[in-house]
Amino acid sequence: VERRLNLYVQPLGGEAKQVTAVADRDIRQYFWKGDDY
């Protein structure tokens, strides 16, 4: 998103949605915590 890797979520069979808007650095390390975060 504007040259930075941001997080998206997508329900199986559904549409993808952007959930972060980080502008300074790519997000390269992430993980799920439960089903909500």
PDB file of all heavy atoms in Angstrom:
ATOM      1  N   VAL A   1       0.877  -1.167   0.000  1.00  0.00           N
ATOM      2  CA  VAL A   1       0.000   0.000   0.000  1.00  0.00           C
ATOM      3  C   VAL A   1       0.915   1.218   0.000  1.00  0.00           C
ATOM      4  O   VAL A   1       1.631   1.458   0.972  1.00  0.00           O
ATOM      5  CB  VAL A   1      -0.918   0.034   1.237  1.00  0.00           C
ATOM      6  CG1 VAL A   1      -1.804   1.291   1.206  1.00  0.00           C
ATOM      7  CG2 VAL A   1      -1.762  -1.214   1.330  1.00  0.00           C
ATOM      8  N   GLU A   2       0.925   1.944  -1.116  1.00  0.00           N
ATOM      9  CA  GLU A   2       1.829   3.083  -1.261  1.00  0.00           C
ATOM     10  C   GLU A   2       3.253   2.698  -0.864  1.00  0.00           C
ATOM     11  O   GLU A   2       3.893   3.344  -0.051  1.00  0.00           O
ATOM     12  CB  GLU A   2       1.321   4.274  -0.445  1.00  0.00           C
ATOM     13  CG  GLU A   2      -0.030   4.801  -0.947  1.00  0.00           C
ATOM     14  CD  GLU A   2      -0.522   6.004  -0.172  1.00  0.00           C
ATOM     15  OE1 GLU A   2       0.173   6.434   0.776  1.00  0.00           O
ATOM     16  OE2 GLU A   2      -1.600   6.523  -0.518  1.00  0.00           O
ATOM     17  N   ARG A   3       3.729   1.576  -1.417  1.00  0.00           N
ATOM     18  CA  ARG A   3       5.102   1.086  -1.329  1.00  0.00           C
ATOM     19  C   ARG A   3       5.444   0.422  -0.001  1.00  0.00           C
ATOM     20  O   ARG A   3       6.589   0.037   0.208  1.00  0.00           O
ATOM     21  CB  ARG A   3       6.117   2.200  -1.610  1.00  0.00           C
ATOM     22  CG  ARG A   3       5.881   2.960  -2.885  1.00  0.00           C
ATOM     23  CD  ARG A   3       6.994   3.935  -3.160  1.00  0.00           C
ATOM     24  NE  ARG A   3       7.965   3.353  -4.068  1.00  0.00           N
ATOM     25  CZ  ARG A   3       8.900   4.073  -4.701  1.00  0.00           C
ATOM     26  NH1 ARG A   3       8.983   5.368  -4.496  1.00  0.00           N
ATOM     27  NH2 ARG A   3       9.739   3.494  -5.519  1.00  0.00           N
ATOM     28  N   ARG A   4       4.470   0.246   0.892  1.00  0.00           N
ATOM     29  CA  ARG A   4       4.757  -0.425   2.151  1.00  0.00           C
ATOM     30  C   ARG A   4       3.866  -1.656   2.290  1.00  0.00           C
ATOM     31  O   ARG A   4       2.656  -1.594   2.031  1.00  0.00           O
ATOM     32  CB  ARG A   4       4.506   0.513   3.338  1.00  0.00           C
ATOM     33  CG  ARG A   4       5.371   1.760   3.348  1.00  0.00           C
ATOM     34  CD  ARG A   4       6.838   1.434   3.612  1.00  0.00           C
ATOM     35  NE  ARG A   4       7.625   2.660   3.567  1.00  0.00           N
ATOM     36  CZ  ARG A   4       8.333   3.067   2.517  1.00  0.00           C
ATOM     37  NH1 ARG A   4       8.354   2.328   1.407  1.00  0.00           N
ATOM     38  NH2 ARG A   4       9.023   4.181   2.567  1.00  0.00           N
ATOM     39  N   LEU A   5       4.453  -2.764   2.712  1.00  0.00           N
ATOM     40  CA  LEU A   5       3.690  -3.979   2.928  1.00  0.00           C
ATOM     41  C   LEU A   5       2.806  -3.817   4.158  1.00  0.00           C
ATOM     42  O   LEU A   5       3.298  -3.557   5.267  1.00  0.00           O
ATOM     43  CB  LEU A   5       4.626  -5.175   3.115  1.00  0.00           C
ATOM     44  CG  LEU A   5       5.397  -5.635   1.872  1.00  0.00           C
ATOM     45  CD1 LEU A   5       6.392  -6.727   2.248  1.00  0.00           C
ATOM     46  CD2 LEU A   5       4.451  -6.123   0.788  1.00  0.00           C
ATOM     47  N   ASN A   6       1.502  -3.942   3.946  1.00  0.00           N
ATOM     48  CA  ASN A   6       0.534  -3.834   5.020  1.00  0.00           C
ATOM     49  C   ASN A   6      -0.282  -5.102   5.117  1.00  0.00           C
ATOM     50  O   ASN A   6      -0.284  -5.937   4.200  1.00  0.00           O
ATOM     51  CB  ASN A   6      -0.376  -2.629   4.795  1.00  0.00           C
ATOM     52  CG  ASN A   6       0.195  -1.362   5.404  1.00  0.00           C
ATOM     53  OD1 ASN A   6      -0.008  -1.092   6.591  1.00  0.00           O
ATOM     54  ND2 ASN A   6       0.922  -0.584   4.605  1.00  0.00           N
ATOM     55  N   LEU A   7      -0.996  -5.240   6.236  1.00  0.00           N
ATOM     56  CA  LEU A   7      -1.752  -6.456   6.508  1.00  0.00           C
ATOM     57  C   LEU A   7      -3.160  -6.394   5.922  1.00  0.00           C
ATOM     58  O   LEU A   7      -3.836  -5.359   6.013  1.00  0.00           O
ATOM     59  CB  LEU A   7      -1.854  -6.683   8.021  1.00  0.00           C
ATOM     60  CG  LEU A   7      -0.631  -7.270   8.713  1.00  0.00           C
ATOM     61  CD1 LEU A   7      -0.820  -7.239  10.223  1.00  0.00           C
ATOM     62  CD2 LEU A   7      -0.381  -8.706   8.256  1.00  0.00           C
ATOM     63  N   TYR A   8      -3.578  -7.521   5.363  1.00  0.00           N
ATOM     64  CA  TYR A   8      -4.937  -7.723   4.863  1.00  0.00           C
ATOM     65  C   TYR A   8      -5.497  -8.984   5.496  1.00  0.00           C
ATOM     66  O   TYR A   8      -4.739  -9.916   5.794  1.00  0.00           O
ATOM     67  CB  TYR A   8      -4.945  -7.894   3.345  1.00  0.00           C
ATOM     68  CG  TYR A   8      -4.784  -6.614   2.557  1.00  0.00           C
ATOM     69  CD1 TYR A   8      -3.569  -5.940   2.523  1.00  0.00           C
ATOM     70  CD2 TYR A   8      -5.852  -6.076   1.831  1.00  0.00           C
ATOM     71  CE1 TYR A   8      -3.415  -4.766   1.796  1.00  0.00           C
ATOM     72  CE2 TYR A   8      -5.710  -4.909   1.102  1.00  0.00           C
ATOM     73  CZ  TYR A   8      -4.493  -4.258   1.087  1.00  0.00           C
ATOM     74  OH  TYR A   8      -4.355  -3.097   0.363  1.00  0.00           O
ATOM     75  N   VAL A   9      -6.809  -9.024   5.657  1.00  0.00           N
ATOM     76  CA  VAL A   9      -7.483 -10.249   6.056  1.00  0.00           C
ATOM     77  C   VAL A   9      -8.571 -10.552   5.030  1.00  0.00           C
ATOM     78  O   VAL A   9      -9.105  -9.651   4.383  1.00  0.00           O
ATOM     79  CB  VAL A   9      -8.093 -10.161   7.473  1.00  0.00           C
ATOM     80  CG1 VAL A   9      -7.013  -9.929   8.513  1.00  0.00           C
ATOM     81  CG2 VAL A   9      -9.153  -9.076   7.550  1.00  0.00           C
ATOM     82  N   GLN A  10      -8.872 -11.838   4.887  1.00  0.00           N
ATOM     83  CA  GLN A  10      -9.857 -12.257   3.884  1.00  0.00           C
ATOM     84  C   GLN A  10     -10.560 -13.519   4.361  1.00  0.00           C
ATOM     85  O   GLN A  10      -9.933 -14.584   4.440  1.00  0.00           O
ATOM     86  CB  GLN A  10      -9.167 -12.510   2.539  1.00  0.00           C
ATOM     87  CG  GLN A  10     -10.112 -12.924   1.435  1.00  0.00           C
ATOM     88  CD  GLN A  10      -9.385 -13.115   0.102  1.00  0.00           C
ATOM     89  OE1 GLN A  10      -8.170 -12.948   0.017  1.00  0.00           O
ATOM     90  NE2 GLN A  10     -10.134 -13.449  -0.922  1.00  0.00           N
ATOM     91  N   PRO A  11     -11.846 -13.421   4.678  1.00  0.00           N
ATOM     92  CA  PRO A  11     -12.585 -14.651   5.001  1.00  0.00           C
ATOM     93  C   PRO A  11     -12.542 -15.610   3.815  1.00  0.00           C
ATOM     94  O   PRO A  11     -12.562 -15.173   2.655  1.00  0.00           O
ATOM     95  CB  PRO A  11     -14.014 -14.139   5.242  1.00  0.00           C
ATOM     96  CG  PRO A  11     -13.871 -12.679   5.527  1.00  0.00           C
ATOM     97  CD  PRO A  11     -12.692 -12.217   4.735  1.00  0.00           C
ATOM     98  N   LEU A  12     -12.440 -16.895   4.091  1.00  0.00           N
ATOM     99  CA  LEU A  12     -12.417 -17.864   2.997  1.00  0.00           C
ATOM    100  C   LEU A  12     -13.675 -17.693   2.147  1.00  0.00           C
ATOM    101  O   LEU A  12     -14.792 -17.734   2.659  1.00  0.00           O
ATOM    102  CB  LEU A  12     -12.338 -19.288   3.541  1.00  0.00           C
ATOM    103  CG  LEU A  12     -11.059 -19.657   4.317  1.00  0.00           C
ATOM    104  CD1 LEU A  12     -11.064 -21.141   4.646  1.00  0.00           C
ATOM    105  CD2 LEU A  12      -9.808 -19.277   3.550  1.00  0.00           C
ATOM    106  N   GLY A  13     -13.461 -17.465   0.863  1.00  0.00           N
ATOM    107  CA  GLY A  13     -14.572 -17.240  -0.039  1.00  0.00           C
ATOM    108  C   GLY A  13     -15.083 -15.814  -0.048  1.00  0.00           C
ATOM    109  O   GLY A  13     -16.031 -15.491  -0.779  1.00  0.00           O
ATOM    110  N   GLY A  14     -14.452 -14.932   0.750  1.00  0.00           N
ATOM    111  CA  GLY A  14     -14.913 -13.547   0.842  1.00  0.00           C
ATOM    112  C   GLY A  14     -13.932 -12.565   0.222  1.00  0.00           C
ATOM    113  O   GLY A  14     -13.012 -12.940  -0.516  1.00  0.00           O
ATOM    114  N   GLU A  15     -14.122 -11.283   0.509  1.00  0.00           N
ATOM    115  CA  GLU A  15     -13.300 -10.211  -0.037  1.00  0.00           C
ATOM    116  C   GLU A  15     -12.186  -9.833   0.943  1.00  0.00           C
ATOM    117  O   GLU A  15     -12.370  -9.867   2.159  1.00  0.00           O
ATOM    118  CB  GLU A  15     -14.162  -8.971  -0.329  1.00  0.00           C
ATOM    119  CG  GLU A  15     -15.227  -9.188  -1.400  1.00  0.00           C
ATOM    120  CD  GLU A  15     -14.613  -9.487  -2.759  1.00  0.00           C
ATOM    121  OE1 GLU A  15     -13.627  -8.800  -3.113  1.00  0.00           O
ATOM    122  OE2 GLU A  15     -15.106 -10.392  -3.452  1.00  0.00           O
ATOM    123  N   ALA A  16     -11.044  -9.456   0.390  1.00  0.00           N
ATOM    124  CA  ALA A  16      -9.911  -9.031   1.207  1.00  0.00           C
ATOM    125  C   ALA A  16     -10.126  -7.617   1.715  1.00  0.00           C
ATOM    126  O   ALA A  16     -10.684  -6.760   1.021  1.00  0.00           O
ATOM    127  CB  ALA A  16      -8.620  -9.120   0.408  1.00  0.00           C
ATOM    128  N   LYS A  17      -9.636  -7.358   2.932  1.00  0.00           N
ATOM    129  CA  LYS A  17      -9.770  -6.037   3.536  1.00  0.00           C
ATOM    130  C   LYS A  17      -8.450  -5.625   4.158  1.00  0.00           C
ATOM    131  O   LYS A  17      -7.830  -6.390   4.896  1.00  0.00           O
ATOM    132  CB  LYS A  17     -10.860  -6.067   4.616  1.00  0.00           C
ATOM    133  CG  LYS A  17     -11.031  -4.740   5.345  1.00  0.00           C
ATOM    134  CD  LYS A  17     -12.086  -4.844   6.443  1.00  0.00           C
ATOM    135  CE  LYS A  17     -12.222  -3.523   7.184  1.00  0.00           C
ATOM    136  NZ  LYS A  17     -13.260  -3.594   8.250  1.00  0.00           N
ATOM    137  N   GLN A  18      -8.011  -4.405   3.869  1.00  0.00           N
ATOM    138  CA  GLN A  18      -6.808  -3.859   4.480  1.00  0.00           C
ATOM    139  C   GLN A  18      -7.089  -3.528   5.939  1.00  0.00           C
ATOM    140  O   GLN A  18      -8.088  -2.897   6.262  1.00  0.00           O
ATOM    141  CB  GLN A  18      -6.376  -2.593   3.737  1.00  0.00           C
ATOM    142  CG  GLN A  18      -5.112  -1.943   4.288  1.00  0.00           C
ATOM    143  CD  GLN A  18      -4.790  -0.628   3.582  1.00  0.00           C
ATOM    144  OE1 GLN A  18      -5.323  -0.351   2.509  1.00  0.00           O
ATOM    145  NE2 GLN A  18      -3.931   0.178   4.187  1.00  0.00           N
ATOM    146  N   VAL A  19      -6.177  -3.954   6.845  1.00  0.00           N
ATOM    147  CA  VAL A  19      -6.414  -3.705   8.274  1.00  0.00           C
ATOM    148  C   VAL A  19      -5.325  -2.854   8.929  1.00  0.00           C
ATOM    149  O   VAL A  19      -5.470  -2.445  10.081  1.00  0.00           O
ATOM    150  CB  VAL A  19      -6.594  -5.019   9.060  1.00  0.00           C
ATOM    151  CG1 VAL A  19      -7.833  -5.756   8.580  1.00  0.00           C
ATOM    152  CG2 VAL A  19      -5.359  -5.912   8.974  1.00  0.00           C
ATOM    153  N   THR A  20      -4.207  -2.596   8.223  1.00  0.00           N
ATOM    154  CA  THR A  20      -3.198  -1.667   8.751  1.00  0.00           C
ATOM    155  C   THR A  20      -2.908  -0.608   7.700  1.00  0.00           C
ATOM    156  O   THR A  20      -3.156  -0.808   6.508  1.00  0.00           O
ATOM    157  CB  THR A  20      -1.887  -2.383   9.125  1.00  0.00           C
ATOM    158  OG1 THR A  20      -1.335  -3.007   7.940  1.00  0.00           O
ATOM    159  CG2 THR A  20      -2.108  -3.442  10.203  1.00  0.00           C
ATOM    160  N   ALA A  21      -2.355   0.499   8.173  1.00  0.00           N
ATOM    161  CA  ALA A  21      -1.990   1.598   7.271  1.00  0.00           C
ATOM    162  C   ALA A  21      -0.628   2.136   7.684  1.00  0.00           C
ATOM    163  O   ALA A  21      -0.442   3.333   7.948  1.00  0.00           O
ATOM    164  CB  ALA A  21      -3.049   2.699   7.311  1.00  0.00           C
ATOM    165  N   VAL A  22       0.332   1.238   7.769  1.00  0.00           N
ATOM    166  CA  VAL A  22       1.692   1.625   8.160  1.00  0.00           C
ATOM    167  C   VAL A  22       2.377   2.277   6.973  1.00  0.00           C
ATOM    168  O   VAL A  22       2.387   1.717   5.864  1.00  0.00           O
ATOM    169  CB  VAL A  22       2.476   0.396   8.650  1.00  0.00           C
ATOM    170  CG1 VAL A  22       3.921   0.763   8.936  1.00  0.00           C
ATOM    171  CG2 VAL A  22       1.814  -0.189   9.891  1.00  0.00           C
ATOM    172  N   ALA A  23       2.974   3.442   7.181  1.00  0.00           N
ATOM    173  CA  ALA A  23       3.531   4.213   6.072  1.00  0.00           C
ATOM    174  C   ALA A  23       5.050   4.291   6.079  1.00  0.00           C
ATOM    175  O   ALA A  23       5.639   4.685   5.067  1.00  0.00           O
ATOM    176  CB  ALA A  23       2.951   5.633   6.091  1.00  0.00           C
ATOM    177  N   ASP A  24       5.706   3.924   7.207  1.00  0.00           N
ATOM    178  CA  ASP A  24       7.150   4.133   7.280  1.00  0.00           C
ATOM    179  C   ASP A  24       7.976   2.885   7.001  1.00  0.00           C
ATOM    180  O   ASP A  24       9.064   2.982   6.440  1.00  0.00           O
ATOM    181  CB  ASP A  24       7.541   4.732   8.638  1.00  0.00           C
ATOM    182  CG  ASP A  24       7.149   3.831   9.803  1.00  0.00           C
ATOM    183  OD1 ASP A  24       6.169   3.067   9.666  1.00  0.00           O
ATOM    184  OD2 ASP A  24       7.806   3.898  10.862  1.00  0.00           O
ATOM    185  N   ARG A  25       7.482   1.699   7.387  1.00  0.00           N
ATOM    186  CA  ARG A  25       8.246   0.459   7.209  1.00  0.00           C
ATOM    187  C   ARG A  25       7.301  -0.649   6.752  1.00  0.00           C
ATOM    188  O   ARG A  25       6.103  -0.639   7.067  1.00  0.00           O
ATOM    189  CB  ARG A  25       8.906   0.007   8.522  1.00  0.00           C
ATOM    190  CG  ARG A  25       9.760   1.042   9.201  1.00  0.00           C
ATOM    191  CD  ARG A  25      11.011   1.364   8.426  1.00  0.00           C
ATOM    192  NE  ARG A  25      12.053   0.361   8.574  1.00  0.00           N
ATOM    193  CZ  ARG A  25      13.226   0.434   7.950  1.00  0.00           C
ATOM    194  NH1 ARG A  25      13.477   1.431   7.115  1.00  0.00           N
ATOM    195  NH2 ARG A  25      14.147  -0.489   8.139  1.00  0.00           N
ATOM    196  N   ASP A  26       7.852  -1.626   6.034  1.00  0.00           N
ATOM    197  CA  ASP A  26       7.086  -2.816   5.686  1.00  0.00           C
ATOM    198  C   ASP A  26       6.773  -3.632   6.937  1.00  0.00           C
ATOM    199  O   ASP A  26       7.586  -3.694   7.865  1.00  0.00           O
ATOM    200  CB  ASP A  26       7.876  -3.713   4.729  1.00  0.00           C
ATOM    201  CG  ASP A  26       8.073  -3.087   3.361  1.00  0.00           C
ATOM    202  OD1 ASP A  26       7.203  -2.328   2.925  1.00  0.00           O
ATOM    203  OD2 ASP A  26       9.114  -3.383   2.729  1.00  0.00           O
ATOM    204  N   ILE A  27       5.623  -4.264   6.944  1.00  0.00           N
ATOM    205  CA  ILE A  27       5.318  -5.273   7.964  1.00  0.00           C
ATOM    206  C   ILE A  27       5.796  -6.612   7.414  1.00  0.00           C
ATOM    207  O   ILE A  27       5.271  -7.112   6.425  1.00  0.00           O
ATOM    208  CB  ILE A  27       3.819  -5.325   8.282  1.00  0.00           C
ATOM    209  CG1 ILE A  27       3.363  -3.997   8.907  1.00  0.00           C
ATOM    210  CG2 ILE A  27       3.515  -6.494   9.227  1.00  0.00           C
ATOM    211  CD1 ILE A  27       1.871  -3.924   9.157  1.00  0.00           C
ATOM    212  N   ARG A  28       6.795  -7.179   8.046  1.00  0.00           N
ATOM    213  CA  ARG A  28       7.374  -8.435   7.557  1.00  0.00           C
ATOM    214  C   ARG A  28       7.215  -9.582   8.551  1.00  0.00           C
ATOM    215  O   ARG A  28       7.306 -10.739   8.174  1.00  0.00           O
ATOM    216  CB  ARG A  28       8.847  -8.239   7.210  1.00  0.00           C
ATOM    217  CG  ARG A  28       9.035  -7.274   6.042  1.00  0.00           C
ATOM    218  CD  ARG A  28      10.462  -7.257   5.521  1.00  0.00           C
ATOM    219  NE  ARG A  28      10.585  -6.388   4.354  1.00  0.00           N
ATOM    220  CZ  ARG A  28      10.350  -6.751   3.101  1.00  0.00           C
ATOM    221  NH1 ARG A  28       9.966  -7.996   2.852  1.00  0.00           N
ATOM    222  NH2 ARG A  28      10.493  -5.893   2.111  1.00  0.00           N
ATOM    223  N   GLN A  29       7.012  -9.273   9.819  1.00  0.00           N
ATOM    224  CA  GLN A  29       6.843 -10.308  10.835  1.00  0.00           C
ATOM    225  C   GLN A  29       5.505 -10.091  11.540  1.00  0.00           C
ATOM    226  O   GLN A  29       5.297  -9.047  12.159  1.00  0.00           O
ATOM    227  CB  GLN A  29       7.966 -10.238  11.870  1.00  0.00           C
ATOM    228  CG  GLN A  29       9.363 -10.403  11.284  1.00  0.00           C
ATOM    229  CD  GLN A  29      10.435 -10.267  12.353  1.00  0.00           C
ATOM    230  OE1 GLN A  29      10.610 -11.144  13.200  1.00  0.00           O
ATOM    231  NE2 GLN A  29      11.152  -9.149  12.340  1.00  0.00           N
ATOM    232  N   TYR A  30       4.629 -11.070  11.442  1.00  0.00           N
ATOM    233  CA  TYR A  30       3.341 -10.962  12.122  1.00  0.00           C
ATOM    234  C   TYR A  30       2.790 -12.353  12.391  1.00  0.00           C
ATOM    235  O   TYR A  30       3.260 -13.348  11.834  1.00  0.00           O
ATOM    236  CB  TYR A  30       2.349 -10.135  11.289  1.00  0.00           C
ATOM    237  CG  TYR A  30       1.645 -10.905  10.195  1.00  0.00           C
ATOM    238  CD1 TYR A  30       0.408 -11.510  10.422  1.00  0.00           C
ATOM    239  CD2 TYR A  30       2.217 -11.065   8.928  1.00  0.00           C
ATOM    240  CE1 TYR A  30      -0.245 -12.231   9.431  1.00  0.00           C
ATOM    241  CE2 TYR A  30       1.571 -11.785   7.930  1.00  0.00           C
ATOM    242  CZ  TYR A  30       0.343 -12.369   8.194  1.00  0.00           C
ATOM    243  OH  TYR A  30      -0.296 -13.095   7.215  1.00  0.00           O
ATOM    244  N   PHE A  31       1.775 -12.429  13.252  1.00  0.00           N
ATOM    245  CA  PHE A  31       1.116 -13.709  13.522  1.00  0.00           C
ATOM    246  C   PHE A  31      -0.270 -13.439  14.102  1.00  0.00           C
ATOM    247  O   PHE A  31      -0.556 -12.349  14.615  1.00  0.00           O
ATOM    248  CB  PHE A  31       1.946 -14.581  14.472  1.00  0.00           C
ATOM    249  CG  PHE A  31       2.257 -13.958  15.806  1.00  0.00           C
ATOM    250  CD1 PHE A  31       1.463 -14.207  16.916  1.00  0.00           C
ATOM    251  CD2 PHE A  31       3.363 -13.127  15.959  1.00  0.00           C
ATOM    252  CE1 PHE A  31       1.741 -13.643  18.148  1.00  0.00           C
ATOM    253  CE2 PHE A  31       3.657 -12.553  17.191  1.00  0.00           C
ATOM    254  CZ  PHE A  31       2.852 -12.809  18.287  1.00  0.00           C
ATOM    255  N   TRP A  32      -1.122 -14.438  13.988  1.00  0.00           N
ATOM    256  CA  TRP A  32      -2.455 -14.367  14.577  1.00  0.00           C
ATOM    257  C   TRP A  32      -2.354 -14.584  16.081  1.00  0.00           C
ATOM    258  O   TRP A  32      -1.589 -15.431  16.559  1.00  0.00           O
ATOM    259  CB  TRP A  32      -3.367 -15.435  13.996  1.00  0.00           C
ATOM    260  CG  TRP A  32      -3.915 -15.127  12.639  1.00  0.00           C
ATOM    261  CD1 TRP A  32      -3.339 -15.420  11.435  1.00  0.00           C
ATOM    262  CD2 TRP A  32      -5.155 -14.471  12.357  1.00  0.00           C
ATOM    263  NE1 TRP A  32      -4.142 -14.984  10.413  1.00  0.00           N
ATOM    264  CE2 TRP A  32      -5.266 -14.395  10.942  1.00  0.00           C
ATOM    265  CE3 TRP A  32      -6.175 -13.939  13.136  1.00  0.00           C
ATOM    266  CZ2 TRP A  32      -6.353 -13.811  10.313  1.00  0.00           C
ATOM    267  CZ3 TRP A  32      -7.270 -13.361  12.522  1.00  0.00           C
ATOM    268  CH2 TRP A  32      -7.353 -13.291  11.115  1.00  0.00           C
ATOM    269  N   LYS A  33      -3.178 -13.824  16.836  1.00  0.00           N
ATOM    270  CA  LYS A  33      -3.362 -14.096  18.260  1.00  0.00           C
ATOM    271  C   LYS A  33      -4.838 -14.352  18.470  1.00  0.00           C
ATOM    272  O   LYS A  33      -5.666 -13.421  18.461  1.00  0.00           O
ATOM    273  CB  LYS A  33      -2.889 -12.913  19.105  1.00  0.00           C
ATOM    274  CG  LYS A  33      -3.005 -13.189  20.604  1.00  0.00           C
ATOM    275  CD  LYS A  33      -2.213 -14.432  21.000  1.00  0.00           C
ATOM    276  CE  LYS A  33      -2.505 -14.854  22.429  1.00  0.00           C
ATOM    277  NZ  LYS A  33      -1.910 -16.170  22.736  1.00  0.00           N
ATOM    278  N   GLY A  34      -5.194 -15.618  18.613  1.00  0.00           N
ATOM    279  CA  GLY A  34      -6.593 -15.990  18.605  1.00  0.00           C
ATOM    280  C   GLY A  34      -7.177 -15.726  17.223  1.00  0.00           C
ATOM    281  O   GLY A  34      -6.453 -15.587  16.235  1.00  0.00           O
ATOM    282  N   ASP A  35      -8.481 -15.637  17.149  1.00  0.00           N
ATOM    283  CA  ASP A  35      -9.152 -15.426  15.865  1.00  0.00           C
ATOM    284  C   ASP A  35      -9.502 -13.961  15.613  1.00  0.00           C
ATOM    285  O   ASP A  35     -10.045 -13.640  14.555  1.00  0.00           O
ATOM    286  CB  ASP A  35     -10.438 -16.264  15.807  1.00  0.00           C
ATOM    287  CG  ASP A  35     -10.152 -17.753  15.886  1.00  0.00           C
ATOM    288  OD1 ASP A  35      -9.233 -18.213  15.172  1.00  0.00           O
ATOM    289  OD2 ASP A  35     -10.835 -18.445  16.671  1.00  0.00           O
ATOM    290  N   ASP A  36      -9.180 -13.089  16.576  1.00  0.00           N
ATOM    291  CA  ASP A  36      -9.641 -11.704  16.480  1.00  0.00           C
ATOM    292  C   ASP A  36      -8.533 -10.673  16.346  1.00  0.00           C
ATOM    293  O   ASP A  36      -8.809  -9.512  16.042  1.00  0.00           O
ATOM    294  CB  ASP A  36     -10.486 -11.349  17.714  1.00  0.00           C
ATOM    295  CG  ASP A  36     -11.743 -12.189  17.806  1.00  0.00           C
ATOM    296  OD1 ASP A  36     -12.360 -12.440  16.754  1.00  0.00           O
ATOM    297  OD2 ASP A  36     -12.090 -12.616  18.928  1.00  0.00           O
ATOM    298  N   TYR A  37      -7.287 -11.066  16.588  1.00  0.00           N
ATOM    299  CA  TYR A  37      -6.201 -10.091  16.554  1.00  0.00           C
ATOM    300  C   TYR A  37      -5.023 -10.617  15.730  1.00  0.00           C
ATOM    301  O   TYR A  37      -4.786 -11.824  15.653  1.00  0.00           O
ATOM    302  CB  TYR A  37      -5.700  -9.785  17.967  1.00  0.00           C
ATOM    303  CG  TYR A  37      -6.706  -9.091  18.853  1.00  0.00           C
ATOM    304  CD1 TYR A  37      -7.542  -9.835  19.687  1.00  0.00           C
ATOM    305  CD2 TYR A  37      -6.822  -7.700  18.859  1.00  0.00           C
ATOM    306  CE1 TYR A  37      -8.474  -9.212  20.502  1.00  0.00           C
ATOM    307  CE2 TYR A  37      -7.753  -7.068  19.679  1.00  0.00           C
ATOM    308  CZ  TYR A  37      -8.571  -7.827  20.493  1.00  0.00           C
ATOM    309  OH  TYR A  37      -9.500  -7.207  21.294  1.00  0.00           O
TER     310      TYR A  37
END
